[in-house]
């Protein structure tokens, strides 16, 4: 399996990870789906944050921990990821 460029380069300005609780999602297929949705939402939303980090010469390691008890749909995951990334961008400006 080929890793994305940010996972290969330890000096990349932005790296991320995802985990889903086995306690709430017993089936691996459900955990994998949530991780896949989160990674895709992040991929579509990360460009602005990545640019801000590169311009400020900072690095960020980001880890998403899914704590919900129900399978989310993609629109909900994307909305929540965008909220998190916006808050992170505000923190970088300070």
C-alpha atoms as a PDB file:
ATOM      1  CA  UNK A   1       0.000   0.000   0.000  1.00  0.00           C
ATOM      2  CA  UNK A   2       1.370   3.390  -0.977  1.00  0.00           C
ATOM      3  CA  UNK A   3       1.262   6.078   1.719  1.00  0.00           C
ATOM      4  CA  UNK A   4       0.155   9.657   1.020  1.00  0.00           C
ATOM      5  CA  UNK A   5       3.000  12.188   0.741  1.00  0.00           C
ATOM      6  CA  UNK A   6       2.287  13.700   4.177  1.00  0.00           C
ATOM      7  CA  UNK A   7       2.640  10.282   5.831  1.00  0.00           C
ATOM      8  CA  UNK A   8       5.953   9.583   4.050  1.00  0.00           C
ATOM      9  CA  UNK A   9       7.637  12.907   4.813  1.00  0.00           C
ATOM     10  CA  UNK A  10       8.282  13.382   8.543  1.00  0.00           C
ATOM     11  CA  UNK A  11       9.012  17.073   7.868  1.00  0.00           C
ATOM     12  CA  UNK A  12       5.669  17.778   6.209  1.00  0.00           C
ATOM     13  CA  UNK A  13       3.863  20.780   7.670  1.00  0.00           C
ATOM     14  CA  UNK A  14       0.618  18.864   8.205  1.00  0.00           C
ATOM     15  CA  UNK A  15      -0.021  15.226   9.149  1.00  0.00           C
ATOM     16  CA  UNK A  16      -3.183  13.515  10.350  1.00  0.00           C
ATOM     17  CA  UNK A  17      -4.513  10.286  11.791  1.00  0.00           C
ATOM     18  CA  UNK A  18      -7.942   8.820  12.587  1.00  0.00           C
ATOM     19  CA  UNK A  19      -9.235   6.317  15.118  1.00  0.00           C
ATOM     20  CA  UNK A  20     -12.675   4.866  15.836  1.00  0.00           C
ATOM     21  CA  UNK A  21     -13.671   3.098  19.033  1.00  0.00           C
ATOM     22  CA  UNK A  22     -14.104  -0.665  18.841  1.00  0.00           C
ATOM     23  CA  UNK A  23     -16.369  -0.366  21.876  1.00  0.00           C
ATOM     24  CA  UNK A  24     -19.117   1.361  19.861  1.00  0.00           C
ATOM     25  CA  UNK A  25     -18.438  -0.190  16.449  1.00  0.00           C
ATOM     26  CA  UNK A  26     -17.776  -3.910  16.791  1.00  0.00           C
ATOM     27  CA  UNK A  27     -17.575  -4.564  13.054  1.00  0.00           C
ATOM     28  CA  UNK A  28     -14.354  -3.533  11.323  1.00  0.00           C
ATOM     29  CA  UNK A  29     -16.299  -2.591   8.190  1.00  0.00           C
ATOM     30  CA  UNK A  30     -18.108   0.144  10.173  1.00  0.00           C
ATOM     31  CA  UNK A  31     -14.895   1.464  11.737  1.00  0.00           C
ATOM     32  CA  UNK A  32     -13.181   1.485   8.352  1.00  0.00           C
ATOM     33  CA  UNK A  33     -16.081   3.361   6.758  1.00  0.00           C
ATOM     34  CA  UNK A  34     -15.924   6.111   9.367  1.00  0.00           C
ATOM     35  CA  UNK A  35     -12.154   6.394   8.932  1.00  0.00           C
ATOM     36  CA  UNK A  36     -12.530   6.531   5.144  1.00  0.00           C
ATOM     37  CA  UNK A  37     -15.203   9.261   5.382  1.00  0.00           C
ATOM     38  CA  UNK A  38     -13.060  11.286   7.786  1.00  0.00           C
ATOM     39  CA  UNK A  39      -9.934  11.011   5.636  1.00  0.00           C
ATOM     40  CA  UNK A  40     -11.869  12.091   2.535  1.00  0.00           C
ATOM     41  CA  UNK A  41     -13.478  15.059   4.304  1.00  0.00           C
ATOM     42  CA  UNK A  42     -10.042  16.081   5.567  1.00  0.00           C
ATOM     43  CA  UNK A  43      -8.465  15.698   2.119  1.00  0.00           C
ATOM     44  CA  UNK A  44     -11.091  17.988   0.583  1.00  0.00           C
ATOM     45  CA  UNK A  45     -10.743  20.643   3.307  1.00  0.00           C
ATOM     46  CA  UNK A  46      -7.055  20.770   4.225  1.00  0.00           C
ATOM     47  CA  UNK A  47      -5.594  23.047   1.510  1.00  0.00           C
ATOM     48  CA  UNK A  48      -6.165  26.375   3.273  1.00  0.00           C
ATOM     49  CA  UNK A  49      -4.785  25.094   6.583  1.00  0.00           C
ATOM     50  CA  UNK A  50      -1.776  23.597   4.829  1.00  0.00           C
ATOM     51  CA  UNK A  51      -1.020  26.907   3.082  1.00  0.00           C
ATOM     52  CA  UNK A  52      -1.299  28.803   6.366  1.00  0.00           C
ATOM     53  CA  UNK A  53       1.101  26.397   8.074  1.00  0.00           C
ATOM     54  CA  UNK A  54       3.644  26.620   5.256  1.00  0.00           C
ATOM     55  CA  UNK A  55       3.493  30.428   5.259  1.00  0.00           C
ATOM     56  CA  UNK A  56       3.951  30.582   9.035  1.00  0.00           C
ATOM     57  CA  UNK A  57       6.707  27.931   8.945  1.00  0.00           C
ATOM     58  CA  UNK A  58       4.867  25.777  11.520  1.00  0.00           C
ATOM     59  CA  UNK A  59       4.026  22.073  11.689  1.00  0.00           C
ATOM     60  CA  UNK A  60       0.846  20.426  12.909  1.00  0.00           C
ATOM     61  CA  UNK A  61       0.111  16.822  13.817  1.00  0.00           C
ATOM     62  CA  UNK A  62      -3.643  16.279  13.856  1.00  0.00           C
ATOM     63  CA  UNK A  63      -5.464  13.217  15.186  1.00  0.00           C
ATOM     64  CA  UNK A  64      -9.227  12.686  14.880  1.00  0.00           C
ATOM     65  CA  UNK A  65     -10.881  10.476  17.502  1.00  0.00           C
ATOM     66  CA  UNK A  66     -14.428   9.510  16.531  1.00  0.00           C
ATOM     67  CA  UNK A  67     -16.518   9.162  19.700  1.00  0.00           C
ATOM     68  CA  UNK A  68     -20.046   8.958  18.250  1.00  0.00           C
ATOM     69  CA  UNK A  69     -22.264   5.919  18.648  1.00  0.00           C
ATOM     70  CA  UNK A  70     -24.002   5.986  15.262  1.00  0.00           C
ATOM     71  CA  UNK A  71     -22.686   5.735  11.715  1.00  0.00           C
ATOM     72  CA  UNK A  72     -22.466   9.283  10.320  1.00  0.00           C
ATOM     73  CA  UNK A  73     -23.127  10.325   6.744  1.00  0.00           C
ATOM     74  CA  UNK A  74     -20.470  12.084   4.691  1.00  0.00           C
ATOM     75  CA  UNK A  75     -22.045  15.546   4.834  1.00  0.00           C
ATOM     76  CA  UNK A  76     -22.033  15.536   8.642  1.00  0.00           C
ATOM     77  CA  UNK A  77     -18.410  14.353   8.796  1.00  0.00           C
ATOM     78  CA  UNK A  78     -17.307  16.955   6.238  1.00  0.00           C
ATOM     79  CA  UNK A  79     -19.096  19.754   8.113  1.00  0.00           C
ATOM     80  CA  UNK A  80     -17.490  18.799  11.436  1.00  0.00           C
ATOM     81  CA  UNK A  81     -14.011  18.423   9.928  1.00  0.00           C
ATOM     82  CA  UNK A  82     -14.330  21.882   8.349  1.00  0.00           C
ATOM     83  CA  UNK A  83     -15.317  23.368  11.736  1.00  0.00           C
ATOM     84  CA  UNK A  84     -12.269  21.781  13.376  1.00  0.00           C
ATOM     85  CA  UNK A  85      -9.907  22.990  10.643  1.00  0.00           C
ATOM     86  CA  UNK A  86     -11.339  26.543  10.815  1.00  0.00           C
ATOM     87  CA  UNK A  87     -10.715  26.643  14.571  1.00  0.00           C
ATOM     88  CA  UNK A  88      -7.165  25.416  14.040  1.00  0.00           C
ATOM     89  CA  UNK A  89      -6.564  28.153  11.450  1.00  0.00           C
ATOM     90  CA  UNK A  90      -7.767  30.777  13.921  1.00  0.00           C
ATOM     91  CA  UNK A  91      -5.280  29.412  16.462  1.00  0.00           C
ATOM     92  CA  UNK A  92      -2.418  29.660  13.976  1.00  0.00           C
ATOM     93  CA  UNK A  93      -3.116  33.372  13.450  1.00  0.00           C
ATOM     94  CA  UNK A  94      -2.634  34.117  17.150  1.00  0.00           C
END
